[in-house]
PDB file of all heavy atoms in Angstrom:
ATOM      1  N   LYS A   1     -23.499  17.918 -40.221  1.00  0.00           N
ATOM      2  CA  LYS A   1     -22.906  18.796 -39.233  1.00  0.00           C
ATOM      3  C   LYS A   1     -23.858  19.954 -38.979  1.00  0.00           C
ATOM      4  O   LYS A   1     -24.147  20.744 -39.871  1.00  0.00           O
ATOM      5  CB  LYS A   1     -21.556  19.321 -39.706  1.00  0.00           C
ATOM      6  CG  LYS A   1     -20.512  18.227 -39.894  1.00  0.00           C
ATOM      7  CD  LYS A   1     -19.218  18.803 -40.427  1.00  0.00           C
ATOM      8  CE  LYS A   1     -18.179  17.706 -40.648  1.00  0.00           C
ATOM      9  NZ  LYS A   1     -16.945  18.227 -41.244  1.00  0.00           N
ATOM     10  N   ILE A   2     -24.376  20.039 -37.769  1.00  0.00           N
ATOM     11  CA  ILE A   2     -25.252  21.143 -37.400  1.00  0.00           C
ATOM     12  C   ILE A   2     -24.411  22.130 -36.617  1.00  0.00           C
ATOM     13  O   ILE A   2     -23.939  21.840 -35.524  1.00  0.00           O
ATOM     14  CB  ILE A   2     -26.445  20.667 -36.572  1.00  0.00           C
ATOM     15  CG1 ILE A   2     -27.305  19.734 -37.419  1.00  0.00           C
ATOM     16  CG2 ILE A   2     -27.253  21.854 -36.078  1.00  0.00           C
ATOM     17  CD1 ILE A   2     -28.516  19.240 -36.712  1.00  0.00           C
ATOM     18  N   LYS A   3     -24.189  23.311 -37.224  1.00  0.00           N
ATOM     19  CA  LYS A   3     -23.284  24.282 -36.635  1.00  0.00           C
ATOM     20  C   LYS A   3     -24.050  25.380 -35.946  1.00  0.00           C
ATOM     21  O   LYS A   3     -24.977  25.958 -36.485  1.00  0.00           O
ATOM     22  CB  LYS A   3     -22.406  24.917 -37.711  1.00  0.00           C
ATOM     23  CG  LYS A   3     -21.398  23.978 -38.347  1.00  0.00           C
ATOM     24  CD  LYS A   3     -20.507  24.752 -39.300  1.00  0.00           C
ATOM     25  CE  LYS A   3     -19.464  23.846 -39.934  1.00  0.00           C
ATOM     26  NZ  LYS A   3     -18.618  24.576 -40.880  1.00  0.00           N
ATOM     27  N   TYR A   4     -23.620  25.663 -34.712  1.00  0.00           N
ATOM     28  CA  TYR A   4     -23.992  26.936 -34.132  1.00  0.00           C
ATOM     29  C   TYR A   4     -23.106  27.973 -34.802  1.00  0.00           C
ATOM     30  O   TYR A   4     -21.939  27.732 -35.079  1.00  0.00           O
ATOM     31  CB  TYR A   4     -23.728  26.938 -32.626  1.00  0.00           C
ATOM     32  CG  TYR A   4     -24.789  26.271 -31.805  1.00  0.00           C
ATOM     33  CD1 TYR A   4     -24.456  25.491 -30.703  1.00  0.00           C
ATOM     34  CD2 TYR A   4     -26.125  26.455 -32.103  1.00  0.00           C
ATOM     35  CE1 TYR A   4     -25.436  24.907 -29.923  1.00  0.00           C
ATOM     36  CE2 TYR A   4     -27.118  25.881 -31.326  1.00  0.00           C
ATOM     37  CZ  TYR A   4     -26.762  25.115 -30.241  1.00  0.00           C
ATOM     38  OH  TYR A   4     -27.738  24.552 -29.471  1.00  0.00           O
ATOM     39  N   LEU A   5     -23.655  29.161 -35.026  1.00  0.00           N
ATOM     40  CA  LEU A   5     -23.045  30.071 -35.978  1.00  0.00           C
ATOM     41  C   LEU A   5     -22.216  31.159 -35.313  1.00  0.00           C
ATOM     42  O   LEU A   5     -22.368  32.336 -35.581  1.00  0.00           O
ATOM     43  CB  LEU A   5     -24.132  30.693 -36.836  1.00  0.00           C
ATOM     44  CG  LEU A   5     -25.003  29.637 -37.527  1.00  0.00           C
ATOM     45  CD1 LEU A   5     -26.199  30.293 -38.157  1.00  0.00           C
ATOM     46  CD2 LEU A   5     -24.190  28.888 -38.545  1.00  0.00           C
ATOM     47  N   ILE A   6     -21.304  30.766 -34.436  1.00  0.00           N
ATOM     48  CA  ILE A   6     -20.376  31.722 -33.867  1.00  0.00           C
ATOM     49  C   ILE A   6     -19.004  31.476 -34.450  1.00  0.00           C
ATOM     50  O   ILE A   6     -18.718  30.422 -35.011  1.00  0.00           O
ATOM     51  CB  ILE A   6     -20.312  31.630 -32.329  1.00  0.00           C
ATOM     52  CG1 ILE A   6     -19.967  30.206 -31.888  1.00  0.00           C
ATOM     53  CG2 ILE A   6     -21.615  32.076 -31.716  1.00  0.00           C
ATOM     54  CD1 ILE A   6     -19.754  30.085 -30.402  1.00  0.00           C
ATOM     55  N   ILE A   7     -18.116  32.453 -34.330  1.00  0.00           N
ATOM     56  CA  ILE A   7     -16.757  32.312 -34.834  1.00  0.00           C
ATOM     57  C   ILE A   7     -15.786  32.333 -33.666  1.00  0.00           C
ATOM     58  O   ILE A   7     -15.514  33.376 -33.102  1.00  0.00           O
ATOM     59  CB  ILE A   7     -16.382  33.451 -35.784  1.00  0.00           C
ATOM     60  CG1 ILE A   7     -17.355  33.507 -36.937  1.00  0.00           C
ATOM     61  CG2 ILE A   7     -14.973  33.273 -36.309  1.00  0.00           C
ATOM     62  CD1 ILE A   7     -17.044  34.596 -37.900  1.00  0.00           C
ATOM     63  N   PRO A   8     -15.234  31.187 -33.260  1.00  0.00           N
ATOM     64  CA  PRO A   8     -14.161  31.210 -32.284  1.00  0.00           C
ATOM     65  C   PRO A   8     -12.929  31.836 -32.914  1.00  0.00           C
ATOM     66  O   PRO A   8     -12.799  31.908 -34.129  1.00  0.00           O
ATOM     67  CB  PRO A   8     -13.928  29.733 -31.954  1.00  0.00           C
ATOM     68  CG  PRO A   8     -15.193  29.062 -32.389  1.00  0.00           C
ATOM     69  CD  PRO A   8     -15.677  29.850 -33.572  1.00  0.00           C
ATOM     70  N   LEU A   9     -11.999  32.282 -32.083  1.00  0.00           N
ATOM     71  CA  LEU A   9     -10.805  32.913 -32.607  1.00  0.00           C
ATOM     72  C   LEU A   9      -9.919  31.918 -33.338  1.00  0.00           C
ATOM     73  O   LEU A   9      -9.164  32.288 -34.223  1.00  0.00           O
ATOM     74  CB  LEU A   9     -10.015  33.567 -31.459  1.00  0.00           C
ATOM     75  CG  LEU A   9     -10.776  34.674 -30.723  1.00  0.00           C
ATOM     76  CD1 LEU A   9      -9.916  35.230 -29.602  1.00  0.00           C
ATOM     77  CD2 LEU A   9     -11.177  35.774 -31.689  1.00  0.00           C
ATOM     78  N   ILE A  10      -9.994  30.641 -32.970  1.00  0.00           N
ATOM     79  CA  ILE A  10      -9.100  29.659 -33.566  1.00  0.00           C
ATOM     80  C   ILE A  10      -9.841  28.737 -34.507  1.00  0.00           C
ATOM     81  O   ILE A  10      -9.387  28.437 -35.596  1.00  0.00           O
ATOM     82  CB  ILE A  10      -8.377  28.842 -32.479  1.00  0.00           C
ATOM     83  CG1 ILE A  10      -7.575  29.784 -31.573  1.00  0.00           C
ATOM     84  CG2 ILE A  10      -7.477  27.791 -33.097  1.00  0.00           C
ATOM     85  CD1 ILE A  10      -6.926  29.091 -30.406  1.00  0.00           C
ATOM     86  N   LEU A  11     -11.005  28.256 -34.129  1.00  0.00           N
ATOM     87  CA  LEU A  11     -11.730  27.303 -34.959  1.00  0.00           C
ATOM     88  C   LEU A  11     -13.213  27.458 -34.749  1.00  0.00           C
ATOM     89  O   LEU A  11     -13.670  28.056 -33.800  1.00  0.00           O
ATOM     90  CB  LEU A  11     -11.315  25.871 -34.629  1.00  0.00           C
ATOM     91  CG  LEU A  11     -11.865  25.276 -33.320  1.00  0.00           C
ATOM     92  CD1 LEU A  11     -11.718  23.762 -33.357  1.00  0.00           C
ATOM     93  CD2 LEU A  11     -11.108  25.818 -32.128  1.00  0.00           C
ATOM     94  N   ILE A  12     -13.980  26.917 -35.702  1.00  0.00           N
ATOM     95  CA  ILE A  12     -15.434  26.918 -35.609  1.00  0.00           C
ATOM     96  C   ILE A  12     -15.865  25.698 -34.827  1.00  0.00           C
ATOM     97  O   ILE A  12     -15.551  24.576 -35.191  1.00  0.00           O
ATOM     98  CB  ILE A  12     -16.063  26.904 -37.012  1.00  0.00           C
ATOM     99  CG1 ILE A  12     -15.675  28.172 -37.766  1.00  0.00           C
ATOM    100  CG2 ILE A  12     -17.571  26.760 -36.931  1.00  0.00           C
ATOM    101  CD1 ILE A  12     -16.083  28.149 -39.213  1.00  0.00           C
ATOM    102  N   LEU A  13     -16.570  25.915 -33.729  1.00  0.00           N
ATOM    103  CA  LEU A  13     -17.092  24.809 -32.940  1.00  0.00           C
ATOM    104  C   LEU A  13     -18.355  24.305 -33.581  1.00  0.00           C
ATOM    105  O   LEU A  13     -19.188  25.085 -34.035  1.00  0.00           O
ATOM    106  CB  LEU A  13     -17.386  25.273 -31.506  1.00  0.00           C
ATOM    107  CG  LEU A  13     -16.183  25.753 -30.701  1.00  0.00           C
ATOM    108  CD1 LEU A  13     -16.669  26.234 -29.353  1.00  0.00           C
ATOM    109  CD2 LEU A  13     -15.165  24.664 -30.540  1.00  0.00           C
ATOM    110  N   PHE A  14     -18.531  22.990 -33.641  1.00  0.00           N
ATOM    111  CA  PHE A  14     -19.759  22.453 -34.181  1.00  0.00           C
ATOM    112  C   PHE A  14     -20.081  21.144 -33.516  1.00  0.00           C
ATOM    113  O   PHE A  14     -19.232  20.493 -32.926  1.00  0.00           O
ATOM    114  CB  PHE A  14     -19.693  22.277 -35.706  1.00  0.00           C
ATOM    115  CG  PHE A  14     -18.573  21.388 -36.169  1.00  0.00           C
ATOM    116  CD1 PHE A  14     -18.733  20.020 -36.232  1.00  0.00           C
ATOM    117  CD2 PHE A  14     -17.366  21.940 -36.557  1.00  0.00           C
ATOM    118  CE1 PHE A  14     -17.709  19.209 -36.664  1.00  0.00           C
ATOM    119  CE2 PHE A  14     -16.337  21.119 -36.984  1.00  0.00           C
ATOM    120  CZ  PHE A  14     -16.506  19.761 -37.051  1.00  0.00           C
ATOM    121  N   LEU A  15     -21.353  20.757 -33.614  1.00  0.00           N
ATOM    122  CA  LEU A  15     -21.839  19.484 -33.111  1.00  0.00           C
ATOM    123  C   LEU A  15     -22.136  18.600 -34.290  1.00  0.00           C
ATOM    124  O   LEU A  15     -22.702  19.040 -35.277  1.00  0.00           O
ATOM    125  CB  LEU A  15     -23.113  19.686 -32.290  1.00  0.00           C
ATOM    126  CG  LEU A  15     -22.927  20.532 -31.038  1.00  0.00           C
ATOM    127  CD1 LEU A  15     -24.283  20.878 -30.453  1.00  0.00           C
ATOM    128  CD2 LEU A  15     -22.078  19.818 -30.031  1.00  0.00           C
ATOM    129  N   THR A  16     -21.745  17.333 -34.244  1.00  0.00           N
ATOM    130  CA  THR A  16     -21.941  16.437 -35.365  1.00  0.00           C
ATOM    131  C   THR A  16     -23.019  15.429 -35.036  1.00  0.00           C
ATOM    132  O   THR A  16     -22.987  14.795 -33.999  1.00  0.00           O
ATOM    133  CB  THR A  16     -20.628  15.683 -35.674  1.00  0.00           C
ATOM    134  OG1 THR A  16     -19.605  16.638 -35.897  1.00  0.00           O
ATOM    135  CG2 THR A  16     -20.798  14.814 -36.902  1.00  0.00           C
ATOM    136  N   LEU A  17     -23.962  15.280 -35.948  1.00  0.00           N
ATOM    137  CA  LEU A  17     -25.040  14.319 -35.785  1.00  0.00           C
ATOM    138  C   LEU A  17     -24.955  13.287 -36.882  1.00  0.00           C
ATOM    139  O   LEU A  17     -24.793  13.626 -38.052  1.00  0.00           O
ATOM    140  CB  LEU A  17     -26.397  15.026 -35.857  1.00  0.00           C
ATOM    141  CG  LEU A  17     -26.637  16.105 -34.804  1.00  0.00           C
ATOM    142  CD1 LEU A  17     -28.018  16.681 -34.992  1.00  0.00           C
ATOM    143  CD2 LEU A  17     -26.494  15.534 -33.419  1.00  0.00           C
ATOM    144  N   GLY A  18     -25.072  11.990 -36.549  1.00  0.00           N
ATOM    145  CA  GLY A  18     -25.067  10.952 -37.557  1.00  0.00           C
ATOM    146  C   GLY A  18     -26.431  10.823 -38.184  1.00  0.00           C
ATOM    147  O   GLY A  18     -27.452  11.021 -37.548  1.00  0.00           O
ATOM    148  N   VAL A  19     -26.480  10.529 -39.482  1.00  0.00           N
ATOM    149  CA  VAL A  19     -27.747  10.331 -40.163  1.00  0.00           C
ATOM    150  C   VAL A  19     -28.395   9.069 -39.628  1.00  0.00           C
ATOM    151  O   VAL A  19     -27.861   7.981 -39.754  1.00  0.00           O
ATOM    152  CB  VAL A  19     -27.526  10.218 -41.680  1.00  0.00           C
ATOM    153  CG1 VAL A  19     -28.853   9.949 -42.373  1.00  0.00           C
ATOM    154  CG2 VAL A  19     -26.882  11.479 -42.233  1.00  0.00           C
ATOM    155  N   GLY A  20     -29.570   9.203 -39.039  1.00  0.00           N
ATOM    156  CA  GLY A  20     -30.305   8.044 -38.552  1.00  0.00           C
ATOM    157  C   GLY A  20     -29.962   7.643 -37.137  1.00  0.00           C
ATOM    158  O   GLY A  20     -30.653   6.841 -36.542  1.00  0.00           O
ATOM    159  N   CYS A  21     -28.865   8.184 -36.587  1.00  0.00           N
ATOM    160  CA  CYS A  21     -28.538   7.841 -35.199  1.00  0.00           C
ATOM    161  C   CYS A  21     -27.723   8.963 -34.597  1.00  0.00           C
ATOM    162  O   CYS A  21     -26.791   9.442 -35.202  1.00  0.00           O
ATOM    163  CB  CYS A  21     -27.761   6.527 -35.115  1.00  0.00           C
ATOM    164  SG  CYS A  21     -26.198   6.526 -35.986  1.00  0.00           S
ATOM    165  N   LEU A  22     -28.089   9.353 -33.392  1.00  0.00           N
ATOM    166  CA  LEU A  22     -27.317  10.365 -32.693  1.00  0.00           C
ATOM    167  C   LEU A  22     -26.007   9.781 -32.220  1.00  0.00           C
ATOM    168  O   LEU A  22     -25.953   8.663 -31.742  1.00  0.00           O
ATOM    169  CB  LEU A  22     -28.100  10.871 -31.478  1.00  0.00           C
ATOM    170  CG  LEU A  22     -29.220  11.875 -31.754  1.00  0.00           C
ATOM    171  CD1 LEU A  22     -29.976  12.113 -30.464  1.00  0.00           C
ATOM    172  CD2 LEU A  22     -28.637  13.161 -32.268  1.00  0.00           C
ATOM    173  N   LEU A  23     -24.934  10.551 -32.362  1.00  0.00           N
ATOM    174  CA  LEU A  23     -23.695  10.126 -31.747  1.00  0.00           C
ATOM    175  C   LEU A  23     -23.889  10.066 -30.247  1.00  0.00           C
ATOM    176  O   LEU A  23     -24.576  10.902 -29.674  1.00  0.00           O
ATOM    177  CB  LEU A  23     -22.570  11.114 -32.087  1.00  0.00           C
ATOM    178  CG  LEU A  23     -22.111  11.121 -33.541  1.00  0.00           C
ATOM    179  CD1 LEU A  23     -21.019  12.166 -33.710  1.00  0.00           C
ATOM    180  CD2 LEU A  23     -21.581   9.758 -33.950  1.00  0.00           C
ATOM    181  N   PRO A  24     -23.303   9.094 -29.558  1.00  0.00           N
ATOM    182  CA  PRO A  24     -23.520   8.953 -28.123  1.00  0.00           C
ATOM    183  C   PRO A  24     -22.951  10.123 -27.356  1.00  0.00           C
ATOM    184  O   PRO A  24     -22.002  10.761 -27.810  1.00  0.00           O
ATOM    185  CB  PRO A  24     -22.774   7.655 -27.776  1.00  0.00           C
ATOM    186  CG  PRO A  24     -21.794   7.474 -28.875  1.00  0.00           C
ATOM    187  CD  PRO A  24     -22.415   8.049 -30.097  1.00  0.00           C
ATOM    188  N   PRO A  25     -23.540  10.447 -26.188  1.00  0.00           N
ATOM    189  CA  PRO A  25     -23.026  11.529 -25.369  1.00  0.00           C
ATOM    190  C   PRO A  25     -21.755  11.116 -24.660  1.00  0.00           C
ATOM    191  O   PRO A  25     -21.083  10.178 -25.034  1.00  0.00           O
ATOM    192  CB  PRO A  25     -24.173  11.786 -24.387  1.00  0.00           C
ATOM    193  CG  PRO A  25     -24.871  10.475 -24.291  1.00  0.00           C
ATOM    194  CD  PRO A  25     -24.742   9.840 -25.639  1.00  0.00           C
ATOM    195  N   SER A  26     -21.438  11.833 -23.567  1.00  0.00           N
ATOM    196  CA  SER A  26     -20.161  11.624 -22.903  1.00  0.00           C
ATOM    197  C   SER A  26     -20.010  10.239 -22.304  1.00  0.00           C
ATOM    198  O   SER A  26     -18.930   9.876 -21.883  1.00  0.00           O
ATOM    199  CB  SER A  26     -19.983  12.673 -21.794  1.00  0.00           C
ATOM    200  OG  SER A  26     -21.033  12.571 -20.858  1.00  0.00           O
ATOM    201  N   VAL A  27     -21.082   9.443 -22.293  1.00  0.00           N
ATOM    202  CA  VAL A  27     -20.981   8.120 -21.703  1.00  0.00           C
ATOM    203  C   VAL A  27     -20.354   7.110 -22.658  1.00  0.00           C
ATOM    204  O   VAL A  27     -20.306   5.939 -22.362  1.00  0.00           O
ATOM    205  CB  VAL A  27     -22.369   7.599 -21.269  1.00  0.00           C
ATOM    206  CG1 VAL A  27     -22.939   8.473 -20.185  1.00  0.00           C
ATOM    207  CG2 VAL A  27     -23.331   7.528 -22.447  1.00  0.00           C
ATOM    208  N   VAL A  28     -19.877   7.554 -23.800  1.00  0.00           N
ATOM    209  CA  VAL A  28     -19.296   6.627 -24.774  1.00  0.00           C
ATOM    210  C   VAL A  28     -18.105   5.886 -24.183  1.00  0.00           C
ATOM    211  O   VAL A  28     -17.987   4.681 -24.291  1.00  0.00           O
ATOM    212  CB  VAL A  28     -18.844   7.408 -26.034  1.00  0.00           C
ATOM    213  CG1 VAL A  28     -18.106   6.472 -26.978  1.00  0.00           C
ATOM    214  CG2 VAL A  28     -20.025   8.013 -26.738  1.00  0.00           C
ATOM    215  N   THR A  29     -17.223   6.621 -23.556  1.00  0.00           N
ATOM    216  CA  THR A  29     -16.013   5.977 -23.048  1.00  0.00           C
ATOM    217  C   THR A  29     -15.885   6.070 -21.538  1.00  0.00           C
ATOM    218  O   THR A  29     -15.100   5.332 -20.953  1.00  0.00           O
ATOM    219  CB  THR A  29     -14.768   6.604 -23.670  1.00  0.00           C
ATOM    220  OG1 THR A  29     -14.776   8.014 -23.423  1.00  0.00           O
ATOM    221  CG2 THR A  29     -14.741   6.381 -25.177  1.00  0.00           C
ATOM    222  N   THR A  30     -16.614   6.975 -20.920  1.00  0.00           N
ATOM    223  CA  THR A  30     -16.514   7.127 -19.466  1.00  0.00           C
ATOM    224  C   THR A  30     -17.897   7.333 -18.891  1.00  0.00           C
ATOM    225  O   THR A  30     -18.793   7.835 -19.562  1.00  0.00           O
ATOM    226  CB  THR A  30     -15.640   8.341 -19.081  1.00  0.00           C
ATOM    227  OG1 THR A  30     -16.213   9.513 -19.649  1.00  0.00           O
ATOM    228  CG2 THR A  30     -14.218   8.171 -19.564  1.00  0.00           C
TER     229      THR A  30
END
């Protein structure tokens, strides 16, 4: 999990990267 280091009021937003393969972008389902 590679986190940008800001604090949202409700939750911490983060981007998740798979080891050895990037998770697909928005074209995964649409």
